[in-house]
């Protein structure tokens, strides 16, 4: 037991969720253990964005899903879903591993974008290397970085766009522990 005050619990939930709700605050205060709350959140079942987007489509009686339906599904899950920590982490990851519905290749594919966000949600608590593995193989990321449809230099005569591989390598280097520089006597730089 931590002896959390209401202010401490509210601040914690403000940082770990998509917004403090009175019931969640009461639940955390009665639990009085942030680590136990995190453990519960990591193991809680969560709603998928593809399913919620399809639900939005069904409720509106539309033949195809739209970006508006995908965004509404995101808000439904982010604001009212029970897996709040997962949604907060997935949101943070979406700010790092960016794709956009403003891209001409993706604008007409709301379910593909919902699936990409589900990928971020699914791997929110995995290691970063595993997350990058799945993101770099995502068709949505391939389209966003114009990797899909690239031909080899031999076939096209120009260097192919290699953004996904190089971007993933840069991302991984950003989080990988770097060896400490050790000065060596007599070394020429």
Protein backbone atom coordinates (compact mmCIF):
# COMPACT_ATOMS: atom_id res chain seq x y z
CA UNK A 1 0.00 0.00 0.00
CA UNK A 2 1.32 3.38 -1.02
CA UNK A 3 -0.98 5.70 0.90
CA UNK A 4 -1.87 7.59 -2.30
CA UNK A 5 -3.57 10.92 -1.93
CA UNK A 6 -6.36 11.87 -4.30
CA UNK A 7 -4.02 14.36 -5.96
CA UNK A 8 -1.27 11.76 -6.46
CA UNK A 9 -3.69 9.21 -7.86
CA UNK A 10 -5.29 11.77 -10.20
CA UNK A 11 -1.87 12.90 -11.45
CA UNK A 12 -0.83 9.31 -12.08
CA UNK A 13 -4.04 8.56 -14.00
CA UNK A 14 -3.68 11.80 -15.93
CA UNK A 15 -0.30 10.61 -17.21
CA UNK A 16 -1.22 6.92 -17.68
CA UNK A 17 -4.67 7.19 -19.27
CA UNK A 18 -6.50 9.26 -21.84
CA UNK A 19 -8.21 11.23 -19.05
CA UNK A 20 -9.11 10.82 -15.40
CA UNK A 21 -12.60 9.47 -14.74
CA UNK A 22 -14.12 9.58 -11.24
CA UNK A 23 -14.70 5.81 -11.04
CA UNK A 24 -11.13 5.01 -12.16
CA UNK A 25 -9.81 7.44 -9.56
CA UNK A 26 -11.86 5.76 -6.83
CA UNK A 27 -10.69 2.32 -8.00
CA UNK A 28 -7.03 3.35 -7.90
CA UNK A 29 -7.44 4.93 -4.46
CA UNK A 30 -9.05 1.75 -3.10
CA UNK A 31 -6.33 -0.39 -4.72
CA UNK A 32 -3.67 2.03 -3.43
CA UNK A 33 -0.93 0.44 -5.54
CA UNK A 34 0.20 1.92 -8.85
CA UNK A 35 2.25 -1.14 -9.80
CA UNK A 36 -0.76 -3.41 -9.28
CA UNK A 37 -2.84 -1.04 -11.41
CA UNK A 38 -0.22 -1.22 -14.19
CA UNK A 39 -0.17 -5.01 -13.98
CA UNK A 40 -3.97 -5.10 -14.30
CA UNK A 41 -3.83 -2.76 -17.29
CA UNK A 42 -1.17 -4.80 -19.07
CA UNK A 43 -3.30 -7.94 -18.77
CA UNK A 44 -6.73 -6.45 -19.42
CA UNK A 45 -8.51 -7.35 -22.66
CA UNK A 46 -8.83 -4.48 -25.09
CA UNK A 47 -11.10 -3.56 -27.96
CA UNK A 48 -9.74 -3.60 -31.51
CA UNK A 49 -10.03 -0.53 -33.72
CA UNK A 50 -10.96 -2.54 -36.82
CA UNK A 51 -13.93 -4.07 -34.98
CA UNK A 52 -15.04 -0.71 -33.61
CA UNK A 53 -14.72 0.94 -37.05
CA UNK A 54 -16.87 -1.83 -38.52
CA UNK A 55 -19.37 -1.28 -35.69
CA UNK A 56 -19.49 2.43 -36.60
CA UNK A 57 -20.06 1.45 -40.24
CA UNK A 58 -22.90 -0.91 -39.27
CA UNK A 59 -24.55 1.66 -37.00
CA UNK A 60 -24.53 4.23 -39.78
CA UNK A 61 -25.79 1.75 -42.37
CA UNK A 62 -22.96 2.55 -44.76
CA UNK A 63 -21.59 0.19 -47.42
CA UNK A 64 -17.98 1.15 -46.73
CA UNK A 65 -16.04 2.40 -43.73
CA UNK A 66 -14.76 5.98 -43.80
CA UNK A 67 -11.96 7.85 -42.06
CA UNK A 68 -14.63 9.59 -39.98
CA UNK A 69 -15.83 6.21 -38.70
CA UNK A 70 -12.24 5.19 -37.90
CA UNK A 71 -11.65 8.40 -35.95
CA UNK A 72 -14.94 7.98 -34.06
CA UNK A 73 -13.92 4.40 -33.25
CA UNK A 74 -10.58 5.68 -31.94
CA UNK A 75 -12.33 8.16 -29.64
CA UNK A 76 -14.77 5.51 -28.42
CA UNK A 77 -11.90 3.21 -27.43
CA UNK A 78 -9.49 5.87 -26.17
CA UNK A 79 -12.01 7.66 -24.01
CA UNK A 80 -14.30 4.87 -22.87
CA UNK A 81 -12.33 1.62 -23.20
CA UNK A 82 -11.06 -0.15 -20.11
CA UNK A 83 -7.48 -0.69 -21.37
CA UNK A 84 -6.51 2.91 -20.78
CA UNK A 85 -2.76 2.40 -20.29
CA UNK A 86 -2.53 0.39 -23.52
CA UNK A 87 -4.33 3.16 -25.40
CA UNK A 88 -2.05 5.82 -23.93
CA UNK A 89 1.06 3.86 -24.93
CA UNK A 90 -0.35 3.12 -28.42
CA UNK A 91 -1.09 6.82 -28.84
CA UNK A 92 2.48 7.72 -27.86
CA UNK A 93 3.81 5.11 -30.30
CA UNK A 94 1.59 6.54 -33.06
CA UNK A 95 3.37 9.87 -32.57
CA UNK A 96 6.74 8.16 -33.17
CA UNK A 97 5.87 5.56 -35.81
CA UNK A 98 3.69 7.88 -37.87
CA UNK A 99 1.29 7.08 -40.70
CA UNK A 100 -1.45 9.41 -41.88
CA UNK A 101 -4.86 9.36 -43.49
CA UNK A 102 -3.77 12.53 -45.31
CA UNK A 103 -1.47 10.38 -47.48
CA UNK A 104 -3.06 9.80 -50.90
CA UNK A 105 -2.13 6.12 -50.78
CA UNK A 106 -3.95 5.61 -47.45
CA UNK A 107 -6.86 8.06 -47.48
CA UNK A 108 -9.23 5.50 -49.02
CA UNK A 109 -8.26 2.72 -46.60
CA UNK A 110 -9.65 3.44 -43.12
CA UNK A 111 -9.72 -0.23 -42.11
CA UNK A 112 -6.05 -0.59 -43.01
CA UNK A 113 -5.23 2.40 -40.78
CA UNK A 114 -7.39 0.94 -38.01
CA UNK A 115 -5.45 -2.31 -38.36
CA UNK A 116 -2.15 -0.39 -38.08
CA UNK A 117 -3.35 1.22 -34.85
CA UNK A 118 -4.38 -2.23 -33.60
CA UNK A 119 -0.82 -3.34 -34.34
CA UNK A 120 0.50 -0.52 -32.12
CA UNK A 121 -2.01 -1.46 -29.41
CA UNK A 122 -1.15 -5.14 -29.61
CA UNK A 123 2.58 -4.51 -29.27
CA UNK A 124 2.31 -1.58 -26.85
CA UNK A 125 3.98 -3.59 -24.07
CA UNK A 126 6.40 -5.62 -26.16
CA UNK A 127 10.04 -4.72 -26.64
CA UNK A 128 10.79 -1.99 -29.18
CA UNK A 129 12.72 -4.31 -31.49
CA UNK A 130 9.66 -6.56 -31.82
CA UNK A 131 7.42 -3.54 -32.38
CA UNK A 132 9.70 -2.25 -35.14
CA UNK A 133 9.74 -5.69 -36.72
CA UNK A 134 5.94 -5.68 -37.02
CA UNK A 135 5.68 -2.01 -38.03
CA UNK A 136 8.33 -2.40 -40.72
CA UNK A 137 6.32 -5.25 -42.23
CA UNK A 138 3.02 -3.42 -42.07
CA UNK A 139 1.48 -2.75 -45.50
CA UNK A 140 0.28 0.62 -44.19
CA UNK A 141 3.80 1.71 -43.29
CA UNK A 142 5.01 0.41 -46.65
CA UNK A 143 2.47 2.58 -48.46
CA UNK A 144 3.09 5.60 -46.24
CA UNK A 145 6.83 5.46 -46.86
CA UNK A 146 6.31 4.72 -50.57
CA UNK A 147 8.08 1.39 -50.28
CA UNK A 148 5.31 -0.66 -51.85
CA UNK A 149 5.81 -1.08 -55.58
CA UNK A 150 9.47 -0.07 -55.60
CA UNK A 151 11.53 -1.86 -58.18
CA UNK A 152 15.16 -2.82 -57.87
CA UNK A 153 17.78 -0.58 -59.44
CA UNK A 154 18.39 -3.31 -61.99
CA UNK A 155 14.73 -3.27 -63.05
CA UNK A 156 14.10 0.50 -62.94
CA UNK A 157 17.52 2.10 -63.48
CA UNK A 158 17.14 4.28 -60.36
CA UNK A 159 17.85 3.65 -56.71
CA UNK A 160 14.77 2.32 -54.90
CA UNK A 161 13.24 4.22 -51.99
CA UNK A 162 14.58 2.51 -48.90
CA UNK A 163 12.81 4.56 -46.27
CA UNK A 164 11.24 1.74 -44.23
CA UNK A 165 14.50 -0.09 -43.67
CA UNK A 166 16.57 2.99 -42.99
CA UNK A 167 13.89 4.61 -40.83
CA UNK A 168 13.55 1.44 -38.77
CA UNK A 169 17.31 1.25 -38.36
CA UNK A 170 17.42 4.86 -37.18
CA UNK A 171 14.53 4.25 -34.78
CA UNK A 172 16.21 1.19 -33.35
CA UNK A 173 19.53 3.01 -32.91
CA UNK A 174 17.72 5.74 -31.00
CA UNK A 175 16.68 3.30 -28.29
CA UNK A 176 19.56 0.83 -28.37
CA UNK A 177 22.22 1.25 -25.72
CA UNK A 178 25.22 2.91 -27.30
CA UNK A 179 28.69 1.70 -26.36
CA UNK A 180 30.50 4.25 -24.27
CA UNK A 181 33.42 5.90 -25.99
CA UNK A 182 36.69 4.84 -24.46
CA UNK A 183 39.72 7.03 -25.24
CA UNK A 184 42.69 5.05 -26.51
CA UNK A 185 46.27 6.22 -26.27
CA UNK A 186 47.77 6.87 -29.68
CA UNK A 187 44.49 6.56 -31.61
CA UNK A 188 44.18 9.01 -34.51
CA UNK A 189 40.74 10.42 -35.22
